[in-house]
Amino acid sequence: MARRADRQPAAAPAAPVTVTVCRGCCCGTTAKHPGVDHAGQLARLRAGVGTAGQVRAVDCLDACGHSNVVVVSPSAEGRRAGGRPVWLGWVLAEDMIDEIGEWVRAGGPGIVPAPGVLDLQEFQVSRRVRDGLPG
């Protein structure tokens, strides 16, 4: 079989907005947050984000004082526009979950500002914690 010299490799897909949800330690537990449907929140977040991004649950983000922690990382386009990961704490209410999904569908960090009250949930982490973020 002859090889075509003009064939170009397929372009790599652009990195989507990534939502990282802490769920293995105190975040996501009924011991720390009784009455919160943590599994339901994760399912609602995945449904809200849809195909606009990816949602992943990780064991611990080492920011337990802000439990429940969610990190919204920009897409490749958002990063080129200056977006950086946004750490959100105390994500316990359904409206916050809905606003995160809305934000991701609109483009996320670097593309559009966070909607609603999410900017009030934002916090800064140490470089040690930030550098330890999985993925």
N, C-alpha and C. Protein backbone atom coordinates (compact mmCIF):
# COMPACT_ATOMS: atom_id res chain seq x y z
N MET A 1 0.83 -1.16 0.00
CA MET A 1 0.00 0.00 0.00
C MET A 1 0.88 1.23 0.00
N ALA A 2 0.65 2.12 -0.90
CA ALA A 2 1.44 3.34 -1.03
C ALA A 2 1.04 4.34 0.04
N ARG A 3 2.01 5.05 0.53
CA ARG A 3 1.77 6.05 1.55
C ARG A 3 1.60 7.42 0.91
N ARG A 4 0.60 8.16 1.32
CA ARG A 4 0.38 9.49 0.77
C ARG A 4 1.28 10.48 1.49
N ALA A 5 2.11 11.16 0.74
CA ALA A 5 3.06 12.11 1.32
C ALA A 5 2.37 13.38 1.80
N ASP A 6 1.20 13.70 1.23
CA ASP A 6 0.54 14.95 1.60
C ASP A 6 -0.40 14.82 2.79
N ARG A 7 -0.47 13.67 3.38
CA ARG A 7 -1.36 13.46 4.52
C ARG A 7 -0.80 14.16 5.76
N GLN A 8 -1.63 14.97 6.40
CA GLN A 8 -1.24 15.69 7.61
C GLN A 8 -1.81 14.98 8.83
N PRO A 9 -1.08 14.97 9.93
CA PRO A 9 -1.64 14.37 11.13
C PRO A 9 -2.86 15.16 11.59
N ALA A 10 -3.79 14.47 12.21
CA ALA A 10 -4.98 15.13 12.71
C ALA A 10 -4.60 16.08 13.84
N ALA A 11 -5.26 17.23 13.87
CA ALA A 11 -4.99 18.20 14.92
C ALA A 11 -5.53 17.67 16.24
N ALA A 12 -4.79 17.94 17.28
CA ALA A 12 -5.23 17.51 18.61
C ALA A 12 -6.45 18.33 19.01
N PRO A 13 -7.43 17.71 19.65
CA PRO A 13 -8.60 18.48 20.06
C PRO A 13 -8.21 19.51 21.12
N ALA A 14 -8.88 20.65 21.10
CA ALA A 14 -8.61 21.69 22.09
C ALA A 14 -9.03 21.20 23.47
N ALA A 15 -8.27 21.57 24.47
CA ALA A 15 -8.59 21.18 25.83
C ALA A 15 -9.86 21.89 26.28
N PRO A 16 -10.84 21.15 26.80
CA PRO A 16 -12.09 21.78 27.25
C PRO A 16 -11.93 22.38 28.64
N VAL A 17 -12.95 23.10 29.08
CA VAL A 17 -13.01 23.55 30.47
C VAL A 17 -13.10 22.28 31.32
N THR A 18 -12.34 22.25 32.40
CA THR A 18 -12.35 21.10 33.29
C THR A 18 -12.83 21.54 34.67
N VAL A 19 -13.80 20.82 35.20
CA VAL A 19 -14.31 21.08 36.54
C VAL A 19 -13.86 19.93 37.43
N THR A 20 -13.04 20.24 38.42
CA THR A 20 -12.52 19.23 39.34
C THR A 20 -13.24 19.39 40.66
N VAL A 21 -13.86 18.30 41.11
CA VAL A 21 -14.67 18.32 42.33
C VAL A 21 -14.00 17.46 43.39
N CYS A 22 -13.74 18.04 44.55
CA CYS A 22 -13.17 17.29 45.66
C CYS A 22 -14.27 16.42 46.26
N ARG A 23 -14.00 15.12 46.39
CA ARG A 23 -15.04 14.22 46.89
C ARG A 23 -14.53 13.09 47.77
N GLY A 24 -13.25 13.00 48.10
CA GLY A 24 -12.81 11.82 48.83
C GLY A 24 -12.52 12.02 50.29
N CYS A 25 -12.40 13.26 50.73
CA CYS A 25 -12.05 13.48 52.14
C CYS A 25 -13.27 14.09 52.83
N CYS A 26 -13.12 15.27 53.41
CA CYS A 26 -14.27 15.89 54.08
C CYS A 26 -15.25 16.48 53.08
N CYS A 27 -14.76 16.97 51.96
CA CYS A 27 -15.66 17.44 50.91
C CYS A 27 -16.45 16.23 50.41
N GLY A 28 -17.70 16.42 50.20
CA GLY A 28 -18.50 15.33 49.66
C GLY A 28 -18.92 14.29 50.68
N THR A 29 -18.82 14.62 51.97
CA THR A 29 -19.24 13.64 52.98
C THR A 29 -20.41 14.20 53.78
N THR A 30 -21.30 13.30 54.15
CA THR A 30 -22.42 13.72 55.00
C THR A 30 -21.96 13.99 56.43
N ALA A 31 -20.79 13.47 56.81
CA ALA A 31 -20.27 13.75 58.15
C ALA A 31 -20.00 15.25 58.31
N LYS A 32 -19.43 15.88 57.30
CA LYS A 32 -19.13 17.30 57.38
C LYS A 32 -20.32 18.15 56.92
N HIS A 33 -21.05 17.66 55.92
CA HIS A 33 -22.17 18.42 55.37
C HIS A 33 -23.43 17.56 55.32
N PRO A 34 -24.03 17.30 56.49
CA PRO A 34 -25.25 16.48 56.50
C PRO A 34 -26.36 17.21 55.75
N GLY A 35 -27.18 16.44 55.10
CA GLY A 35 -28.30 17.02 54.38
C GLY A 35 -27.98 17.44 52.96
N VAL A 36 -26.71 17.33 52.55
CA VAL A 36 -26.34 17.67 51.18
C VAL A 36 -26.24 16.37 50.39
N ASP A 37 -26.90 16.31 49.26
CA ASP A 37 -26.85 15.14 48.38
C ASP A 37 -25.63 15.26 47.48
N HIS A 38 -24.50 14.78 47.96
CA HIS A 38 -23.24 14.94 47.25
C HIS A 38 -23.23 14.21 45.91
N ALA A 39 -23.74 13.00 45.88
CA ALA A 39 -23.80 12.26 44.61
C ALA A 39 -24.74 12.97 43.65
N GLY A 40 -25.84 13.48 44.16
CA GLY A 40 -26.77 14.23 43.33
C GLY A 40 -26.16 15.50 42.78
N GLN A 41 -25.35 16.17 43.61
CA GLN A 41 -24.66 17.39 43.15
C GLN A 41 -23.73 17.06 41.98
N LEU A 42 -22.98 15.98 42.13
CA LEU A 42 -22.03 15.60 41.08
C LEU A 42 -22.78 15.27 39.79
N ALA A 43 -23.87 14.55 39.90
CA ALA A 43 -24.67 14.22 38.71
C ALA A 43 -25.26 15.48 38.09
N ARG A 44 -25.75 16.39 38.93
CA ARG A 44 -26.32 17.64 38.43
C ARG A 44 -25.25 18.48 37.74
N LEU A 45 -24.05 18.50 38.30
CA LEU A 45 -22.95 19.25 37.70
C LEU A 45 -22.58 18.67 36.35
N ARG A 46 -22.48 17.35 36.27
CA ARG A 46 -22.16 16.70 34.99
C ARG A 46 -23.23 17.00 33.94
N ALA A 47 -24.48 16.95 34.35
CA ALA A 47 -25.58 17.25 33.42
C ALA A 47 -25.53 18.71 33.00
N GLY A 48 -25.24 19.61 33.95
CA GLY A 48 -25.18 21.04 33.65
C GLY A 48 -24.04 21.42 32.73
N VAL A 49 -22.91 20.76 32.89
CA VAL A 49 -21.74 21.02 32.04
C VAL A 49 -21.96 20.41 30.66
N GLY A 50 -22.59 19.25 30.62
CA GLY A 50 -22.87 18.59 29.35
C GLY A 50 -21.61 18.34 28.55
N THR A 51 -21.67 18.63 27.28
CA THR A 51 -20.53 18.40 26.39
C THR A 51 -19.60 19.62 26.31
N ALA A 52 -19.91 20.67 27.06
CA ALA A 52 -19.10 21.89 27.02
C ALA A 52 -17.79 21.75 27.78
N GLY A 53 -17.67 20.72 28.59
CA GLY A 53 -16.46 20.53 29.39
C GLY A 53 -16.43 19.14 29.96
N GLN A 54 -15.56 18.94 30.90
CA GLN A 54 -15.48 17.65 31.57
C GLN A 54 -15.49 17.87 33.07
N VAL A 55 -16.12 16.94 33.77
CA VAL A 55 -16.20 16.99 35.23
C VAL A 55 -15.50 15.75 35.76
N ARG A 56 -14.62 15.96 36.72
CA ARG A 56 -13.95 14.81 37.33
C ARG A 56 -13.95 14.97 38.84
N ALA A 57 -14.16 13.87 39.51
CA ALA A 57 -14.11 13.85 40.97
C ALA A 57 -12.74 13.32 41.38
N VAL A 58 -12.12 13.98 42.34
CA VAL A 58 -10.82 13.56 42.84
C VAL A 58 -10.90 13.33 44.34
N ASP A 59 -9.91 12.66 44.87
CA ASP A 59 -9.91 12.26 46.27
C ASP A 59 -9.82 13.45 47.22
N CYS A 60 -8.84 14.31 47.08
CA CYS A 60 -8.68 15.44 47.99
C CYS A 60 -7.87 16.53 47.31
N LEU A 61 -8.35 17.78 47.43
CA LEU A 61 -7.64 18.92 46.86
C LEU A 61 -6.87 19.69 47.93
N ASP A 62 -6.87 19.18 49.17
CA ASP A 62 -6.08 19.73 50.27
C ASP A 62 -6.44 21.19 50.58
N ALA A 63 -7.72 21.49 50.50
CA ALA A 63 -8.21 22.82 50.88
C ALA A 63 -9.47 22.63 51.73
N CYS A 64 -9.36 21.76 52.73
CA CYS A 64 -10.50 21.29 53.51
C CYS A 64 -11.22 22.41 54.26
N GLY A 65 -10.55 23.49 54.56
CA GLY A 65 -11.19 24.61 55.24
C GLY A 65 -12.24 25.29 54.38
N HIS A 66 -12.27 24.98 53.10
CA HIS A 66 -13.22 25.59 52.16
C HIS A 66 -14.23 24.58 51.63
N SER A 67 -14.34 23.45 52.27
CA SER A 67 -15.18 22.34 51.82
C SER A 67 -16.61 22.81 51.56
N ASN A 68 -17.17 22.43 50.52
CA ASN A 68 -16.90 21.62 49.34
C ASN A 68 -16.16 22.45 48.29
N VAL A 69 -15.05 21.91 47.80
CA VAL A 69 -14.18 22.63 46.88
C VAL A 69 -14.41 22.15 45.45
N VAL A 70 -14.48 23.12 44.54
CA VAL A 70 -14.58 22.87 43.10
C VAL A 70 -13.58 23.79 42.43
N VAL A 71 -12.81 23.24 41.47
CA VAL A 71 -11.86 24.04 40.70
C VAL A 71 -12.33 24.04 39.25
N VAL A 72 -12.51 25.24 38.69
CA VAL A 72 -12.90 25.38 37.29
C VAL A 72 -11.65 25.84 36.53
N SER A 73 -11.13 24.95 35.69
CA SER A 73 -9.91 25.25 34.92
C SER A 73 -10.29 25.66 33.51
N PRO A 74 -9.62 26.68 32.97
CA PRO A 74 -10.00 27.19 31.66
C PRO A 74 -9.71 26.20 30.54
N SER A 75 -10.43 26.40 29.45
CA SER A 75 -10.15 25.66 28.22
C SER A 75 -8.83 26.18 27.66
N ALA A 76 -8.34 25.56 26.61
CA ALA A 76 -7.12 26.04 25.95
C ALA A 76 -7.33 27.48 25.48
N GLU A 77 -8.49 27.75 24.92
CA GLU A 77 -8.80 29.11 24.44
C GLU A 77 -8.85 30.09 25.62
N GLY A 78 -9.47 29.67 26.71
CA GLY A 78 -9.54 30.52 27.89
C GLY A 78 -8.18 30.80 28.49
N ARG A 79 -7.31 29.79 28.48
CA ARG A 79 -5.94 29.99 28.99
C ARG A 79 -5.17 30.97 28.11
N ARG A 80 -5.34 30.85 26.79
CA ARG A 80 -4.68 31.80 25.87
C ARG A 80 -5.18 33.22 26.11
N ALA A 81 -6.43 33.35 26.56
CA ALA A 81 -7.01 34.66 26.83
C ALA A 81 -6.67 35.17 28.24
N GLY A 82 -5.87 34.42 28.98
CA GLY A 82 -5.43 34.84 30.31
C GLY A 82 -6.15 34.17 31.46
N GLY A 83 -7.07 33.26 31.18
CA GLY A 83 -7.80 32.57 32.24
C GLY A 83 -6.90 31.62 33.02
N ARG A 84 -7.15 31.52 34.29
CA ARG A 84 -6.43 30.61 35.18
C ARG A 84 -7.44 29.81 35.98
N PRO A 85 -7.04 28.69 36.56
CA PRO A 85 -7.99 27.92 37.38
C PRO A 85 -8.59 28.78 38.49
N VAL A 86 -9.88 28.61 38.69
CA VAL A 86 -10.61 29.35 39.72
C VAL A 86 -11.04 28.35 40.79
N TRP A 87 -10.60 28.58 42.01
CA TRP A 87 -10.93 27.72 43.14
C TRP A 87 -12.17 28.29 43.82
N LEU A 88 -13.18 27.45 43.96
CA LEU A 88 -14.43 27.84 44.59
C LEU A 88 -14.63 27.02 45.85
N GLY A 89 -14.98 27.69 46.93
CA GLY A 89 -15.22 27.01 48.18
C GLY A 89 -16.67 27.08 48.60
N TRP A 90 -17.01 26.23 49.53
CA TRP A 90 -18.34 26.20 50.13
C TRP A 90 -19.44 26.00 49.08
N VAL A 91 -19.14 25.18 48.07
CA VAL A 91 -20.12 24.91 47.01
C VAL A 91 -21.08 23.85 47.54
N LEU A 92 -22.16 24.33 48.14
CA LEU A 92 -23.11 23.44 48.80
C LEU A 92 -24.53 23.57 48.24
N ALA A 93 -24.87 24.72 47.69
CA ALA A 93 -26.23 24.98 47.23
C ALA A 93 -26.40 24.61 45.76
N GLU A 94 -27.61 24.19 45.43
CA GLU A 94 -27.91 23.79 44.06
C GLU A 94 -27.72 24.94 43.07
N ASP A 95 -28.03 26.18 43.49
CA ASP A 95 -27.87 27.30 42.57
C ASP A 95 -26.40 27.50 42.20
N MET A 96 -25.49 27.19 43.11
CA MET A 96 -24.06 27.28 42.79
C MET A 96 -23.68 26.24 41.74
N ILE A 97 -24.20 25.04 41.89
CA ILE A 97 -23.93 23.97 40.92
C ILE A 97 -24.45 24.41 39.55
N ASP A 98 -25.65 24.97 39.52
CA ASP A 98 -26.24 25.44 38.26
C ASP A 98 -25.40 26.55 37.64
N GLU A 99 -24.89 27.48 38.47
CA GLU A 99 -24.08 28.58 37.96
C GLU A 99 -22.75 28.08 37.40
N ILE A 100 -22.17 27.07 38.01
CA ILE A 100 -20.92 26.51 37.47
C ILE A 100 -21.19 25.92 36.09
N GLY A 101 -22.26 25.15 35.95
CA GLY A 101 -22.62 24.58 34.65
C GLY A 101 -22.85 25.67 33.61
N GLU A 102 -23.57 26.71 34.01
CA GLU A 102 -23.84 27.85 33.11
C GLU A 102 -22.53 28.50 32.66
N TRP A 103 -21.62 28.68 33.60
CA TRP A 103 -20.33 29.32 33.31
C TRP A 103 -19.52 28.48 32.32
N VAL A 104 -19.46 27.19 32.55
CA VAL A 104 -18.72 26.30 31.65
C VAL A 104 -19.33 26.34 30.26
N ARG A 105 -20.65 26.27 30.16
CA ARG A 105 -21.31 26.30 28.84
C ARG A 105 -21.06 27.62 28.12
N ALA A 106 -20.87 28.71 28.88
CA ALA A 106 -20.61 30.02 28.29
C ALA A 106 -19.14 30.20 27.89
N GLY A 107 -18.26 29.30 28.35
CA GLY A 107 -16.85 29.39 27.97
C GLY A 107 -15.88 29.29 29.13
N GLY A 108 -16.32 29.61 30.35
CA GLY A 108 -15.47 29.46 31.53
C GLY A 108 -14.43 30.54 31.70
N PRO A 109 -13.47 30.30 32.61
CA PRO A 109 -12.45 31.30 32.94
C PRO A 109 -11.68 31.76 31.69
N GLY A 110 -11.45 33.06 31.64
CA GLY A 110 -10.72 33.65 30.52
C GLY A 110 -11.63 34.05 29.38
N ILE A 111 -12.81 33.46 29.31
CA ILE A 111 -13.74 33.77 28.22
C ILE A 111 -14.86 34.68 28.73
N VAL A 112 -15.47 34.30 29.85
CA VAL A 112 -16.54 35.11 30.46
C VAL A 112 -16.35 35.13 31.97
N PRO A 113 -16.80 36.21 32.62
CA PRO A 113 -16.71 36.25 34.09
C PRO A 113 -17.65 35.22 34.72
N ALA A 114 -17.34 34.83 35.92
CA ALA A 114 -18.19 33.89 36.66
C ALA A 114 -19.56 34.53 36.90
N PRO A 115 -20.63 33.76 36.72
CA PRO A 115 -21.98 34.32 36.92
C PRO A 115 -22.39 34.32 38.39
N GLY A 116 -23.46 35.07 38.66
CA GLY A 116 -24.10 35.03 39.98
C GLY A 116 -23.15 35.35 41.11
N VAL A 117 -23.21 34.52 42.13
CA VAL A 117 -22.42 34.75 43.34
C VAL A 117 -21.14 33.94 43.38
N LEU A 118 -20.77 33.31 42.27
CA LEU A 118 -19.57 32.47 42.30
C LEU A 118 -18.32 33.26 42.66
N ASP A 119 -18.25 34.53 42.28
CA ASP A 119 -17.06 35.31 42.63
C ASP A 119 -16.92 35.44 44.15
N LEU A 120 -18.02 35.35 44.89
CA LEU A 120 -17.95 35.40 46.35
C LEU A 120 -17.42 34.09 46.93
N GLN A 121 -17.48 33.02 46.15
CA GLN A 121 -17.02 31.71 46.61
C GLN A 121 -15.54 31.49 46.29
N GLU A 122 -14.95 32.38 45.51
CA GLU A 122 -13.58 32.20 45.05
C GLU A 122 -12.58 32.40 46.20
N PHE A 123 -11.54 31.57 46.21
CA PHE A 123 -10.47 31.71 47.20
C PHE A 123 -9.13 31.36 46.54
N GLN A 124 -8.06 31.77 47.17
CA GLN A 124 -6.71 31.51 46.68
C GLN A 124 -6.10 30.37 47.47
N VAL A 125 -5.29 29.57 46.80
CA VAL A 125 -4.59 28.48 47.48
C VAL A 125 -3.09 28.68 47.36
N SER A 126 -2.37 27.99 48.20
CA SER A 126 -0.91 28.07 48.15
C SER A 126 -0.39 27.39 46.90
N ARG A 127 0.78 27.74 46.49
CA ARG A 127 1.41 27.11 45.33
C ARG A 127 1.56 25.61 45.54
N ARG A 128 1.87 25.21 46.77
CA ARG A 128 2.02 23.77 47.09
C ARG A 128 0.73 23.02 46.77
N VAL A 129 -0.40 23.57 47.17
CA VAL A 129 -1.69 22.94 46.90
C VAL A 129 -1.99 23.00 45.41
N ARG A 130 -1.82 24.18 44.82
CA ARG A 130 -2.13 24.38 43.39
C ARG A 130 -1.30 23.45 42.52
N ASP A 131 -0.03 23.29 42.82
CA ASP A 131 0.84 22.43 42.02
C ASP A 131 0.50 20.95 42.19
N GLY A 132 -0.17 20.60 43.29
CA GLY A 132 -0.55 19.21 43.54
C GLY A 132 -1.86 18.80 42.89
N LEU A 133 -2.51 19.74 42.18
CA LEU A 133 -3.79 19.42 41.54
C LEU A 133 -3.61 18.29 40.55
N PRO A 134 -4.39 17.24 40.69
CA PRO A 134 -4.25 16.10 39.77
C PRO A 134 -4.49 16.50 38.31
N GLY A 135 -3.80 15.80 37.40
CA GLY A 135 -4.03 16.01 35.97
C GLY A 135 -3.24 17.11 35.45
